[in-house]
């Protein structure tokens, strides 16, 4: 279930919302684009099938955001590198471009460090999120990761992170 949880920097929960319209409104108020696109029942979650199924939406996003490259990432719980992959995204970082994701299947949590608060956005199937360039954040795919996501980039080289060195993320990550 899509959820937005607002916390203080020391982890005190200040509010939680599940209604996608409310999630979109609250995220928009802090400069984060969010929308829901009903998912299609796909028997084949291969990159080619996902791209073909969502091609119209991908074309719209590319035109609106000026994205130069698109790919599909798929992480499964039985991936032998799941732990290493999870760790790669858990440290707070920024990007020089927007981080744009559409979840075709599964889920993950974006933690956005904004205005002395942490916005934890649990993204699930059908969720599109665009984290603006320069926004401090981290991503948790969980200990048993499962998601299939379309990624859009303005930089043809794809995902490039600049770590902030802030250890705040450690207070929000569940090791279990």
Protein backbone atom coordinates (compact mmCIF):
# COMPACT_ATOMS: atom_id res chain seq x y z
CA UNK A 1 0.00 0.00 0.00
CA UNK A 2 1.29 3.43 -0.92
CA UNK A 3 2.12 5.32 2.27
CA UNK A 4 3.62 8.66 3.16
CA UNK A 5 5.01 8.94 6.70
CA UNK A 6 6.33 12.25 7.96
CA UNK A 7 8.95 12.11 10.73
CA UNK A 8 11.18 14.49 12.59
CA UNK A 9 14.91 14.02 12.00
CA UNK A 10 15.11 12.06 15.27
CA UNK A 11 12.52 9.56 14.01
CA UNK A 12 9.37 10.75 15.77
CA UNK A 13 6.37 10.07 13.55
CA UNK A 14 4.38 13.24 12.87
CA UNK A 15 1.75 11.82 10.54
CA UNK A 16 0.97 9.04 8.08
CA UNK A 17 -1.26 8.96 4.98
CA UNK A 18 -2.42 6.18 2.64
CA UNK A 19 -4.78 8.05 0.33
CA UNK A 20 -2.88 8.60 -2.93
CA UNK A 21 -4.51 12.00 -3.52
CA UNK A 22 -3.35 13.18 -0.08
CA UNK A 23 0.11 11.69 -0.67
CA UNK A 24 0.34 13.58 -3.99
CA UNK A 25 -0.80 16.83 -2.37
CA UNK A 26 1.61 16.63 0.57
CA UNK A 27 4.56 15.70 -1.66
CA UNK A 28 3.73 18.42 -4.17
CA UNK A 29 3.83 20.96 -1.32
CA UNK A 30 7.55 20.13 -0.84
CA UNK A 31 8.41 19.94 -4.55
CA UNK A 32 8.14 16.18 -5.12
CA UNK A 33 6.13 14.99 -8.13
CA UNK A 34 3.96 11.95 -7.45
CA UNK A 35 1.21 10.35 -9.46
CA UNK A 36 -0.58 7.04 -9.66
CA UNK A 37 -0.97 5.18 -12.93
CA UNK A 38 -3.17 2.07 -12.76
CA UNK A 39 -0.99 -0.94 -13.44
CA UNK A 40 -1.65 -3.49 -16.10
CA UNK A 41 -1.74 -7.19 -15.37
CA UNK A 42 1.50 -8.42 -16.89
CA UNK A 43 2.43 -12.07 -17.01
CA UNK A 44 5.80 -11.04 -18.38
CA UNK A 45 7.73 -8.49 -16.31
CA UNK A 46 10.77 -8.53 -18.57
CA UNK A 47 12.19 -5.10 -19.41
CA UNK A 48 10.88 -5.29 -22.97
CA UNK A 49 7.36 -6.23 -21.86
CA UNK A 50 7.24 -3.50 -19.20
CA UNK A 51 8.52 -0.88 -21.64
CA UNK A 52 5.99 -1.95 -24.27
CA UNK A 53 3.09 -1.98 -21.80
CA UNK A 54 3.79 1.52 -20.48
CA UNK A 55 5.21 3.07 -23.67
CA UNK A 56 2.59 5.86 -23.89
CA UNK A 57 3.22 6.97 -20.29
CA UNK A 58 7.00 6.69 -20.78
CA UNK A 59 6.78 8.86 -23.90
CA UNK A 60 4.75 11.46 -21.96
CA UNK A 61 7.24 11.47 -19.07
CA UNK A 62 10.18 11.75 -21.46
CA UNK A 63 8.60 14.70 -23.25
CA UNK A 64 7.61 16.48 -20.02
CA UNK A 65 10.95 15.95 -18.26
CA UNK A 66 13.41 15.96 -21.15
CA UNK A 67 14.65 12.49 -20.22
CA UNK A 68 17.28 11.07 -22.57
CA UNK A 69 17.38 7.46 -21.46
CA UNK A 70 15.00 4.93 -19.97
CA UNK A 71 15.54 1.47 -18.57
CA UNK A 72 13.82 -1.11 -16.39
CA UNK A 73 15.39 -2.46 -13.23
CA UNK A 74 14.16 -5.67 -11.62
CA UNK A 75 15.27 -6.87 -8.20
CA UNK A 76 14.07 -10.20 -6.84
CA UNK A 77 14.42 -11.58 -3.27
CA UNK A 78 16.52 -14.51 -4.52
CA UNK A 79 19.10 -12.19 -6.10
CA UNK A 80 22.44 -13.29 -4.60
CA UNK A 81 23.58 -9.64 -4.62
CA UNK A 82 20.42 -8.27 -2.95
CA UNK A 83 22.24 -7.31 0.26
CA UNK A 84 24.99 -5.45 -1.60
CA UNK A 85 22.47 -3.72 -3.86
CA UNK A 86 20.38 -2.64 -0.88
CA UNK A 87 23.42 -1.22 0.89
CA UNK A 88 24.37 0.81 -2.20
CA UNK A 89 21.22 2.97 -1.88
CA UNK A 90 20.91 3.26 1.93
CA UNK A 91 23.31 6.16 2.44
CA UNK A 92 21.93 9.66 2.08
CA UNK A 93 22.84 11.11 -1.30
CA UNK A 94 21.85 13.63 -3.95
CA UNK A 95 21.89 13.62 -7.74
CA UNK A 96 22.59 16.38 -10.24
CA UNK A 97 19.43 15.28 -12.07
CA UNK A 98 15.95 14.23 -10.98
CA UNK A 99 15.58 10.65 -9.78
CA UNK A 100 12.49 9.37 -11.56
CA UNK A 101 10.88 5.99 -10.97
CA UNK A 102 7.67 4.23 -11.93
CA UNK A 103 6.90 1.01 -10.04
CA UNK A 104 5.39 -1.57 -12.40
CA UNK A 105 5.53 -4.24 -9.67
CA UNK A 106 6.67 -4.65 -6.08
CA UNK A 107 7.64 -1.85 -3.72
CA UNK A 108 10.41 0.22 -2.14
CA UNK A 109 10.74 3.18 0.21
CA UNK A 110 12.16 6.57 -0.73
CA UNK A 111 13.29 8.59 2.29
CA UNK A 112 13.39 12.31 1.48
CA UNK A 113 15.31 14.60 3.84
CA UNK A 114 13.54 17.94 3.44
CA UNK A 115 13.11 20.98 5.67
CA UNK A 116 14.46 19.24 8.81
CA UNK A 117 12.01 16.36 8.31
CA UNK A 118 12.09 12.91 6.74
CA UNK A 119 9.32 11.97 4.33
CA UNK A 120 9.18 8.18 3.93
CA UNK A 121 7.30 7.33 0.74
CA UNK A 122 6.45 3.66 0.32
CA UNK A 123 6.01 3.29 -3.42
CA UNK A 124 4.03 0.34 -4.74
CA UNK A 125 2.70 -0.84 -8.09
CA UNK A 126 1.49 2.10 -10.16
CA UNK A 127 3.40 4.79 -8.27
CA UNK A 128 5.43 7.37 -10.19
CA UNK A 129 7.79 9.59 -8.19
CA UNK A 130 10.23 12.26 -9.27
CA UNK A 131 12.78 13.38 -6.69
CA UNK A 132 14.24 16.72 -7.85
CA UNK A 133 17.96 17.13 -8.41
CA UNK A 134 19.78 18.15 -5.24
CA UNK A 135 17.21 16.57 -2.90
CA UNK A 136 18.82 14.66 -0.03
CA UNK A 137 17.38 11.15 0.03
CA UNK A 138 18.01 7.42 0.24
CA UNK A 139 16.15 4.33 -0.94
CA UNK A 140 15.40 1.10 0.88
CA UNK A 141 14.41 -1.94 -1.11
CA UNK A 142 14.12 -4.02 2.08
CA UNK A 143 15.77 -7.23 3.19
CA UNK A 144 13.69 -9.33 0.76
CA UNK A 145 13.57 -6.92 -2.17
CA UNK A 146 11.05 -7.19 -4.95
CA UNK A 147 10.35 -4.48 -7.47
CA UNK A 148 10.26 -3.83 -11.17
CA UNK A 149 10.70 -0.13 -11.93
CA UNK A 150 11.04 2.06 -14.98
CA UNK A 151 13.88 4.56 -14.51
CA UNK A 152 14.15 7.78 -16.53
CA UNK A 153 17.33 9.85 -16.81
CA UNK A 154 18.40 13.15 -18.33
CA UNK A 155 22.00 11.93 -18.12
CA UNK A 156 22.51 9.14 -20.66
CA UNK A 157 25.01 7.56 -18.23
CA UNK A 158 22.16 6.85 -15.82
CA UNK A 159 22.26 6.80 -12.02
CA UNK A 160 25.11 8.80 -10.46
CA UNK A 161 24.98 9.58 -6.72
CA UNK A 162 26.90 12.09 -4.64
CA UNK A 163 26.88 10.94 -1.00
CA UNK A 164 26.30 13.63 1.64
CA UNK A 165 28.15 11.86 4.47
CA UNK A 166 25.18 12.47 6.79
CA UNK A 167 24.44 9.38 8.92
CA UNK A 168 20.75 10.29 9.42
CA UNK A 169 19.61 7.37 7.26
CA UNK A 170 20.98 4.89 9.80
CA UNK A 171 18.21 5.97 12.21
CA UNK A 172 15.49 4.99 9.75
CA UNK A 173 16.68 1.70 8.29
CA UNK A 174 15.40 -1.60 9.64
CA UNK A 175 18.17 -4.19 9.61
CA UNK A 176 15.77 -7.13 10.06
